[in-house]
Amino acid sequence: MRPNIHPAYGPVVYQDRATGQSFLTRSTATSAETVTWEDGNDYPVIRVDITAYSHPFWTGAQRVLDSAGQVEKFRRRYGGRGRA
């Protein structure tokens, strides 16, 4: 890699706004706000709206759509309209 062209890559804490849970990872993103992590070190904290802790797919709260039922409902409602 060429020197002095890449952003700094270091430890960052991401915190989920919905659940308040956090995880430590590495990123090029940074923040002026810091948090003291479990190991006693201070790291920049980035607050995000959705993580795996609050996303419906990963929490199991995802709704399963009954697509066959939706198609039948549509056909009952609009059945033969528009046919010649």
PDB file of N, CA and C in Angstrom:
ATOM      1  N   MET A   1       0.840  -1.182   0.000  1.00  0.00           N
ATOM      2  CA  MET A   1       0.000   0.000   0.000  1.00  0.00           C
ATOM      3  C   MET A   1       0.882   1.242   0.000  1.00  0.00           C
ATOM      4  N   ARG A   2       0.429   2.253  -0.663  1.00  0.00           N
ATOM      5  CA  ARG A   2       1.161   3.509  -0.671  1.00  0.00           C
ATOM      6  C   ARG A   2       0.973   4.222   0.659  1.00  0.00           C
ATOM      7  N   PRO A   3       2.021   4.813   1.185  1.00  0.00           N
ATOM      8  CA  PRO A   3       1.903   5.504   2.472  1.00  0.00           C
ATOM      9  C   PRO A   3       1.155   6.830   2.349  1.00  0.00           C
ATOM     10  N   ASN A   4       0.503   7.229   3.435  1.00  0.00           N
ATOM     11  CA  ASN A   4      -0.140   8.541   3.598  1.00  0.00           C
ATOM     12  C   ASN A   4      -1.344   8.784   2.694  1.00  0.00           C
ATOM     13  N   ILE A   5      -1.974   7.742   2.149  1.00  0.00           N
ATOM     14  CA  ILE A   5      -3.184   7.965   1.341  1.00  0.00           C
ATOM     15  C   ILE A   5      -4.398   7.243   1.937  1.00  0.00           C
ATOM     16  N   HIS A   6      -4.171   6.368   2.889  1.00  0.00           N
ATOM     17  CA  HIS A   6      -5.259   5.591   3.452  1.00  0.00           C
ATOM     18  C   HIS A   6      -5.697   6.170   4.798  1.00  0.00           C
ATOM     19  N   PRO A   7      -7.002   6.119   5.102  1.00  0.00           N
ATOM     20  CA  PRO A   7      -7.462   6.628   6.396  1.00  0.00           C
ATOM     21  C   PRO A   7      -6.984   5.724   7.533  1.00  0.00           C
ATOM     22  N   ALA A   8      -6.949   6.277   8.715  1.00  0.00           N
ATOM     23  CA  ALA A   8      -6.529   5.505   9.890  1.00  0.00           C
ATOM     24  C   ALA A   8      -7.555   4.416  10.178  1.00  0.00           C
ATOM     25  N   TYR A   9      -7.067   3.226  10.462  1.00  0.00           N
ATOM     26  CA  TYR A   9      -7.916   2.065  10.714  1.00  0.00           C
ATOM     27  C   TYR A   9      -7.658   1.617  12.141  1.00  0.00           C
ATOM     28  N   GLY A  10      -8.650   1.823  13.017  1.00  0.00           N
ATOM     29  CA  GLY A  10      -8.410   1.500  14.411  1.00  0.00           C
ATOM     30  C   GLY A  10      -9.655   1.033  15.121  1.00  0.00           C
ATOM     31  N   PRO A  11      -9.544   0.742  16.401  1.00  0.00           N
ATOM     32  CA  PRO A  11     -10.687   0.235  17.165  1.00  0.00           C
ATOM     33  C   PRO A  11     -11.750   1.315  17.375  1.00  0.00           C
ATOM     34  N   VAL A  12     -13.004   0.908  17.232  1.00  0.00           N
ATOM     35  CA  VAL A  12     -14.163   1.784  17.386  1.00  0.00           C
ATOM     36  C   VAL A  12     -15.274   0.986  18.061  1.00  0.00           C
ATOM     37  N   VAL A  13     -16.041   1.636  18.913  1.00  0.00           N
ATOM     38  CA  VAL A  13     -17.205   0.999  19.537  1.00  0.00           C
ATOM     39  C   VAL A  13     -18.449   1.469  18.799  1.00  0.00           C
ATOM     40  N   TYR A  14     -19.245   0.532  18.323  1.00  0.00           N
ATOM     41  CA  TYR A  14     -20.534   0.845  17.714  1.00  0.00           C
ATOM     42  C   TYR A  14     -21.610   0.559  18.745  1.00  0.00           C
ATOM     43  N   GLN A  15     -22.530   1.515  18.921  1.00  0.00           N
ATOM     44  CA  GLN A  15     -23.602   1.337  19.893  1.00  0.00           C
ATOM     45  C   GLN A  15     -24.945   1.449  19.183  1.00  0.00           C
ATOM     46  N   ASP A  16     -25.806   0.479  19.447  1.00  0.00           N
ATOM     47  CA  ASP A  16     -27.149   0.447  18.882  1.00  0.00           C
ATOM     48  C   ASP A  16     -28.022   1.419  19.667  1.00  0.00           C
ATOM     49  N   ARG A  17     -28.653   2.368  18.972  1.00  0.00           N
ATOM     50  CA  ARG A  17     -29.508   3.346  19.652  1.00  0.00           C
ATOM     51  C   ARG A  17     -30.763   2.713  20.225  1.00  0.00           C
ATOM     52  N   ALA A  18     -31.297   1.706  19.569  1.00  0.00           N
ATOM     53  CA  ALA A  18     -32.556   1.107  20.010  1.00  0.00           C
ATOM     54  C   ALA A  18     -32.381   0.247  21.261  1.00  0.00           C
ATOM     55  N   THR A  19     -31.327  -0.544  21.313  1.00  0.00           N
ATOM     56  CA  THR A  19     -31.146  -1.472  22.434  1.00  0.00           C
ATOM     57  C   THR A  19     -30.096  -1.018  23.430  1.00  0.00           C
ATOM     58  N   GLY A  20     -29.188  -0.143  23.007  1.00  0.00           N
ATOM     59  CA  GLY A  20     -28.126   0.316  23.881  1.00  0.00           C
ATOM     60  C   GLY A  20     -26.938  -0.630  23.933  1.00  0.00           C
ATOM     61  N   GLN A  21     -27.018  -1.766  23.265  1.00  0.00           N
ATOM     62  CA  GLN A  21     -25.912  -2.718  23.272  1.00  0.00           C
ATOM     63  C   GLN A  21     -24.782  -2.222  22.367  1.00  0.00           C
ATOM     64  N   SER A  22     -23.560  -2.577  22.720  1.00  0.00           N
ATOM     65  CA  SER A  22     -22.383  -2.107  21.997  1.00  0.00           C
ATOM     66  C   SER A  22     -21.473  -3.260  21.626  1.00  0.00           C
ATOM     67  N   PHE A  23     -20.638  -3.021  20.613  1.00  0.00           N
ATOM     68  CA  PHE A  23     -19.602  -3.990  20.276  1.00  0.00           C
ATOM     69  C   PHE A  23     -18.369  -3.249  19.777  1.00  0.00           C
ATOM     70  N   LEU A  24     -17.229  -3.817  20.067  1.00  0.00           N
ATOM     71  CA  LEU A  24     -15.941  -3.238  19.694  1.00  0.00           C
ATOM     72  C   LEU A  24     -15.467  -3.904  18.409  1.00  0.00           C
ATOM     73  N   THR A  25     -15.080  -3.091  17.452  1.00  0.00           N
ATOM     74  CA  THR A  25     -14.575  -3.596  16.183  1.00  0.00           C
ATOM     75  C   THR A  25     -13.528  -2.613  15.664  1.00  0.00           C
ATOM     76  N   ARG A  26     -13.062  -2.826  14.468  1.00  0.00           N
ATOM     77  CA  ARG A  26     -12.116  -1.898  13.843  1.00  0.00           C
ATOM     78  C   ARG A  26     -12.790  -1.253  12.649  1.00  0.00           C
ATOM     79  N   SER A  27     -12.479   0.020  12.436  1.00  0.00           N
ATOM     80  CA  SER A  27     -13.114   0.762  11.361  1.00  0.00           C
ATOM     81  C   SER A  27     -12.282   1.983  11.016  1.00  0.00           C
ATOM     82  N   THR A  28     -12.558   2.571   9.848  1.00  0.00           N
ATOM     83  CA  THR A  28     -11.955   3.848   9.491  1.00  0.00           C
ATOM     84  C   THR A  28     -12.809   4.999   9.977  1.00  0.00           C
ATOM     85  N   ALA A  29     -14.043   4.711  10.399  1.00  0.00           N
ATOM     86  CA  ALA A  29     -14.920   5.752  10.936  1.00  0.00           C
ATOM     87  C   ALA A  29     -14.401   6.195  12.295  1.00  0.00           C
ATOM     88  N   THR A  30     -14.640   7.449  12.615  1.00  0.00           N
ATOM     89  CA  THR A  30     -14.172   7.958  13.898  1.00  0.00           C
ATOM     90  C   THR A  30     -15.207   8.926  14.456  1.00  0.00           C
ATOM     91  N   SER A  31     -15.032   9.288  15.709  1.00  0.00           N
ATOM     92  CA  SER A  31     -15.965  10.175  16.377  1.00  0.00           C
ATOM     93  C   SER A  31     -15.218  10.940  17.458  1.00  0.00           C
ATOM     94  N   ALA A  32     -15.692  12.133  17.773  1.00  0.00           N
ATOM     95  CA  ALA A  32     -15.092  12.914  18.848  1.00  0.00           C
ATOM     96  C   ALA A  32     -15.542  12.394  20.211  1.00  0.00           C
ATOM     97  N   GLU A  33     -16.690  11.722  20.239  1.00  0.00           N
ATOM     98  CA  GLU A  33     -17.229  11.167  21.479  1.00  0.00           C
ATOM     99  C   GLU A  33     -16.525   9.845  21.793  1.00  0.00           C
ATOM    100  N   THR A  34     -16.170   9.631  23.051  1.00  0.00           N
ATOM    101  CA  THR A  34     -15.499   8.396  23.439  1.00  0.00           C
ATOM    102  C   THR A  34     -16.279   7.695  24.546  1.00  0.00           C
ATOM    103  N   VAL A  35     -15.966   6.421  24.719  1.00  0.00           N
ATOM    104  CA  VAL A  35     -16.580   5.614  25.764  1.00  0.00           C
ATOM    105  C   VAL A  35     -15.488   4.713  26.346  1.00  0.00           C
ATOM    106  N   THR A  36     -15.585   4.451  27.637  1.00  0.00           N
ATOM    107  CA  THR A  36     -14.654   3.533  28.280  1.00  0.00           C
ATOM    108  C   THR A  36     -15.178   2.117  28.109  1.00  0.00           C
ATOM    109  N   TRP A  37     -14.397   1.270  27.478  1.00  0.00           N
ATOM    110  CA  TRP A  37     -14.817  -0.101  27.170  1.00  0.00           C
ATOM    111  C   TRP A  37     -14.512  -1.010  28.357  1.00  0.00           C
ATOM    112  N   GLU A  38     -14.931  -2.249  28.288  1.00  0.00           N
ATOM    113  CA  GLU A  38     -14.769  -3.228  29.364  1.00  0.00           C
ATOM    114  C   GLU A  38     -13.313  -3.464  29.741  1.00  0.00           C
ATOM    115  N   ASP A  39     -12.396  -3.243  28.808  1.00  0.00           N
ATOM    116  CA  ASP A  39     -10.977  -3.459  29.093  1.00  0.00           C
ATOM    117  C   ASP A  39     -10.322  -2.247  29.750  1.00  0.00           C
ATOM    118  N   GLY A  40     -11.085  -1.178  29.985  1.00  0.00           N
ATOM    119  CA  GLY A  40     -10.571   0.008  30.648  1.00  0.00           C
ATOM    120  C   GLY A  40     -10.029   1.074  29.714  1.00  0.00           C
ATOM    121  N   ASN A  41      -9.965   0.793  28.424  1.00  0.00           N
ATOM    122  CA  ASN A  41      -9.476   1.765  27.444  1.00  0.00           C
ATOM    123  C   ASN A  41     -10.618   2.612  26.910  1.00  0.00           C
ATOM    124  N   ASP A  42     -10.292   3.829  26.477  1.00  0.00           N
ATOM    125  CA  ASP A  42     -11.271   4.713  25.850  1.00  0.00           C
ATOM    126  C   ASP A  42     -11.197   4.553  24.338  1.00  0.00           C
ATOM    127  N   TYR A  43     -12.380   4.405  23.727  1.00  0.00           N
ATOM    128  CA  TYR A  43     -12.477   4.252  22.277  1.00  0.00           C
ATOM    129  C   TYR A  43     -13.532   5.216  21.748  1.00  0.00           C
ATOM    130  N   PRO A  44     -13.387   5.653  20.488  1.00  0.00           N
ATOM    131  CA  PRO A  44     -14.443   6.475  19.891  1.00  0.00           C
ATOM    132  C   PRO A  44     -15.723   5.641  19.780  1.00  0.00           C
ATOM    133  N   VAL A  45     -16.855   6.271  20.025  1.00  0.00           N
ATOM    134  CA  VAL A  45     -18.136   5.564  19.941  1.00  0.00           C
ATOM    135  C   VAL A  45     -18.951   6.152  18.803  1.00  0.00           C
ATOM    136  N   ILE A  46     -19.542   5.269  18.006  1.00  0.00           N
ATOM    137  CA  ILE A  46     -20.413   5.669  16.906  1.00  0.00           C
ATOM    138  C   ILE A  46     -21.775   5.047  17.173  1.00  0.00           C
ATOM    139  N   ARG A  47     -22.779   5.884  17.248  1.00  0.00           N
ATOM    140  CA  ARG A  47     -24.136   5.417  17.540  1.00  0.00           C
ATOM    141  C   ARG A  47     -24.871   5.212  16.212  1.00  0.00           C
ATOM    142  N   VAL A  48     -25.434   4.021  16.041  1.00  0.00           N
ATOM    143  CA  VAL A  48     -26.133   3.676  14.806  1.00  0.00           C
ATOM    144  C   VAL A  48     -27.563   3.273  15.122  1.00  0.00           C
ATOM    145  N   ASP A  49     -28.445   3.423  14.143  1.00  0.00           N
ATOM    146  CA  ASP A  49     -29.864   3.139  14.343  1.00  0.00           C
ATOM    147  C   ASP A  49     -30.168   1.649  14.384  1.00  0.00           C
ATOM    148  N   ILE A  50     -29.529   0.883  13.528  1.00  0.00           N
ATOM    149  CA  ILE A  50     -29.844  -0.550  13.440  1.00  0.00           C
ATOM    150  C   ILE A  50     -28.554  -1.358  13.403  1.00  0.00           C
ATOM    151  N   THR A  51     -28.499  -2.375  14.246  1.00  0.00           N
ATOM    152  CA  THR A  51     -27.420  -3.360  14.213  1.00  0.00           C
ATOM    153  C   THR A  51     -28.068  -4.733  14.279  1.00  0.00           C
ATOM    154  N   ALA A  52     -27.272  -5.763  14.383  1.00  0.00           N
ATOM    155  CA  ALA A  52     -27.822  -7.117  14.496  1.00  0.00           C
ATOM    156  C   ALA A  52     -28.605  -7.285  15.796  1.00  0.00           C
ATOM    157  N   TYR A  53     -28.342  -6.425  16.793  1.00  0.00           N
ATOM    158  CA  TYR A  53     -29.056  -6.512  18.055  1.00  0.00           C
ATOM    159  C   TYR A  53     -30.511  -6.058  17.938  1.00  0.00           C
ATOM    160  N   SER A  54     -30.819  -5.206  16.956  1.00  0.00           N
ATOM    161  CA  SER A  54     -32.180  -4.692  16.846  1.00  0.00           C
ATOM    162  C   SER A  54     -32.843  -4.947  15.498  1.00  0.00           C
ATOM    163  N   HIS A  55     -32.120  -5.493  14.537  1.00  0.00           N
ATOM    164  CA  HIS A  55     -32.704  -5.731  13.209  1.00  0.00           C
ATOM    165  C   HIS A  55     -33.681  -6.899  13.271  1.00  0.00           C
ATOM    166  N   PRO A  56     -34.883  -6.737  12.716  1.00  0.00           N
ATOM    167  CA  PRO A  56     -35.897  -7.794  12.804  1.00  0.00           C
ATOM    168  C   PRO A  56     -35.448  -9.142  12.251  1.00  0.00           C
ATOM    169  N   PHE A  57     -34.623  -9.151  11.222  1.00  0.00           N
ATOM    170  CA  PHE A  57     -34.179 -10.425  10.656  1.00  0.00           C
ATOM    171  C   PHE A  57     -33.337 -11.202  11.660  1.00  0.00           C
ATOM    172  N   TRP A  58     -32.436 -10.523  12.327  1.00  0.00           N
ATOM    173  CA  TRP A  58     -31.512 -11.197  13.237  1.00  0.00           C
ATOM    174  C   TRP A  58     -32.113 -11.451  14.608  1.00  0.00           C
ATOM    175  N   THR A  59     -33.138 -10.702  14.996  1.00  0.00           N
ATOM    176  CA  THR A  59     -33.754 -10.913  16.309  1.00  0.00           C
ATOM    177  C   THR A  59     -34.873 -11.938  16.256  1.00  0.00           C
ATOM    178  N   GLY A  60     -35.283 -12.328  15.063  1.00  0.00           N
ATOM    179  CA  GLY A  60     -36.365 -13.301  14.929  1.00  0.00           C
ATOM    180  C   GLY A  60     -37.735 -12.666  14.927  1.00  0.00           C
ATOM    181  N   ALA A  61     -37.803 -11.348  14.913  1.00  0.00           N
ATOM    182  CA  ALA A  61     -39.092 -10.659  14.923  1.00  0.00           C
ATOM    183  C   ALA A  61     -39.576 -10.330  13.518  1.00  0.00           C
ATOM    184  N   GLN A  62     -38.911 -10.866  12.529  1.00  0.00           N
ATOM    185  CA  GLN A  62     -39.286 -10.590  11.150  1.00  0.00           C
ATOM    186  C   GLN A  62     -40.613 -11.242  10.836  1.00  0.00           C
ATOM    187  N   ARG A  63     -41.470 -10.485  10.155  1.00  0.00           N
ATOM    188  CA  ARG A  63     -42.758 -11.032   9.762  1.00  0.00           C
ATOM    189  C   ARG A  63     -42.595 -11.831   8.473  1.00  0.00           C
ATOM    190  N   VAL A  64     -43.216 -12.961   8.417  1.00  0.00           N
ATOM    191  CA  VAL A  64     -43.191 -13.777   7.210  1.00  0.00           C
ATOM    192  C   VAL A  64     -44.464 -13.468   6.442  1.00  0.00           C
ATOM    193  N   LEU A  65     -44.299 -12.998   5.227  1.00  0.00           N
ATOM    194  CA  LEU A  65     -45.460 -12.664   4.415  1.00  0.00           C
ATOM    195  C   LEU A  65     -45.975 -13.912   3.721  1.00  0.00           C
ATOM    196  N   ASP A  66     -47.264 -14.060   3.765  1.00  0.00           N
ATOM    197  CA  ASP A  66     -47.905 -15.174   3.086  1.00  0.00           C
ATOM    198  C   ASP A  66     -48.175 -14.723   1.658  1.00  0.00           C
ATOM    199  N   SER A  67     -47.190 -14.890   0.789  1.00  0.00           N
ATOM    200  CA  SER A  67     -47.320 -14.359  -0.565  1.00  0.00           C
ATOM    201  C   SER A  67     -48.422 -15.057  -1.345  1.00  0.00           C
ATOM    202  N   ALA A  68     -48.612 -16.336  -1.139  1.00  0.00           N
ATOM    203  CA  ALA A  68     -49.692 -17.033  -1.851  1.00  0.00           C
ATOM    204  C   ALA A  68     -51.036 -16.488  -1.397  1.00  0.00           C
ATOM    205  N   GLY A  69     -51.176 -16.241  -0.109  1.00  0.00           N
ATOM    206  CA  GLY A  69     -52.417 -15.669   0.415  1.00  0.00           C
ATOM    207  C   GLY A  69     -52.661 -14.269  -0.099  1.00  0.00           C
ATOM    208  N   GLN A  70     -51.596 -13.494  -0.259  1.00  0.00           N
ATOM    209  CA  GLN A  70     -51.727 -12.139  -0.778  1.00  0.00           C
ATOM    210  C   GLN A  70     -52.167 -12.156  -2.236  1.00  0.00           C
ATOM    211  N   VAL A  71     -51.637 -13.095  -2.998  1.00  0.00           N
ATOM    212  CA  VAL A  71     -52.031 -13.210  -4.408  1.00  0.00           C
ATOM    213  C   VAL A  71     -53.506 -13.586  -4.507  1.00  0.00           C
ATOM    214  N   GLU A  72     -53.945 -14.532  -3.703  1.00  0.00           N
ATOM    215  CA  GLU A  72     -55.361 -14.925  -3.724  1.00  0.00           C
ATOM    216  C   GLU A  72     -56.267 -13.781  -3.286  1.00  0.00           C
ATOM    217  N   LYS A  73     -55.845 -13.039  -2.300  1.00  0.00           N
ATOM    218  CA  LYS A  73     -56.617 -11.887  -1.842  1.00  0.00           C
ATOM    219  C   LYS A  73     -56.740 -10.860  -2.971  1.00  0.00           C
ATOM    220  N   PHE A  74     -55.656 -10.625  -3.691  1.00  0.00           N
ATOM    221  CA  PHE A  74     -55.676  -9.698  -4.817  1.00  0.00           C
ATOM    222  C   PHE A  74     -56.633 -10.191  -5.901  1.00  0.00           C
ATOM    223  N   ARG A  75     -56.549 -11.480  -6.212  1.00  0.00           N
ATOM    224  CA  ARG A  75     -57.416 -12.036  -7.260  1.00  0.00           C
ATOM    225  C   ARG A  75     -58.888 -11.983  -6.865  1.00  0.00           C
ATOM    226  N   ARG A  76     -59.196 -12.209  -5.579  1.00  0.00           N
ATOM    227  CA  ARG A  76     -60.582 -12.097  -5.125  1.00  0.00           C
ATOM    228  C   ARG A  76     -61.072 -10.656  -5.253  1.00  0.00           C
ATOM    229  N   ARG A  77     -60.217  -9.725  -4.929  1.00  0.00           N
ATOM    230  CA  ARG A  77     -60.619  -8.329  -4.936  1.00  0.00           C
ATOM    231  C   ARG A  77     -60.740  -7.776  -6.351  1.00  0.00           C
ATOM    232  N   TYR A  78     -59.766  -8.081  -7.198  1.00  0.00           N
ATOM    233  CA  TYR A  78     -59.719  -7.470  -8.536  1.00  0.00           C
ATOM    234  C   TYR A  78     -59.892  -8.494  -9.647  1.00  0.00           C
ATOM    235  N   GLY A  79     -60.202  -9.703  -9.314  1.00  0.00           N
ATOM    236  CA  GLY A  79     -60.394 -10.836 -10.198  1.00  0.00           C
ATOM    237  C   GLY A  79     -60.367 -10.636 -11.690  1.00  0.00           C
ATOM    238  N   GLY A  80     -61.498 -10.379 -12.297  1.00  0.00           N
ATOM    239  CA  GLY A  80     -61.586 -10.379 -13.745  1.00  0.00           C
ATOM    240  C   GLY A  80     -61.592  -8.998 -14.370  1.00  0.00           C
ATOM    241  N   ARG A  81     -61.243  -7.983 -13.637  1.00  0.00           N
ATOM    242  CA  ARG A  81     -61.248  -6.631 -14.190  1.00  0.00           C
ATOM    243  C   ARG A  81     -60.183  -6.490 -15.264  1.00  0.00           C
ATOM    244  N   GLY A  82     -60.526  -5.750 -16.304  1.00  0.00           N
ATOM    245  CA  GLY A  82     -59.568  -5.451 -17.343  1.00  0.00           C
ATOM    246  C   GLY A  82     -59.458  -6.499 -18.429  1.00  0.00           C
ATOM    247  N   ARG A  83     -60.151  -7.604 -18.276  1.00  0.00           N
ATOM    248  CA  ARG A  83     -60.099  -8.616 -19.331  1.00  0.00           C
ATOM    249  C   ARG A  83     -61.150  -8.312 -20.374  1.00  0.00           C
ATOM    250  N   ALA A  84     -60.821  -8.587 -21.601  1.00  0.00           N
ATOM    251  CA  ALA A  84     -61.725  -8.285 -22.717  1.00  0.00           C
ATOM    252  C   ALA A  84     -62.770  -9.332 -22.919  1.00  0.00           C
TER     253      ALA A  84
END
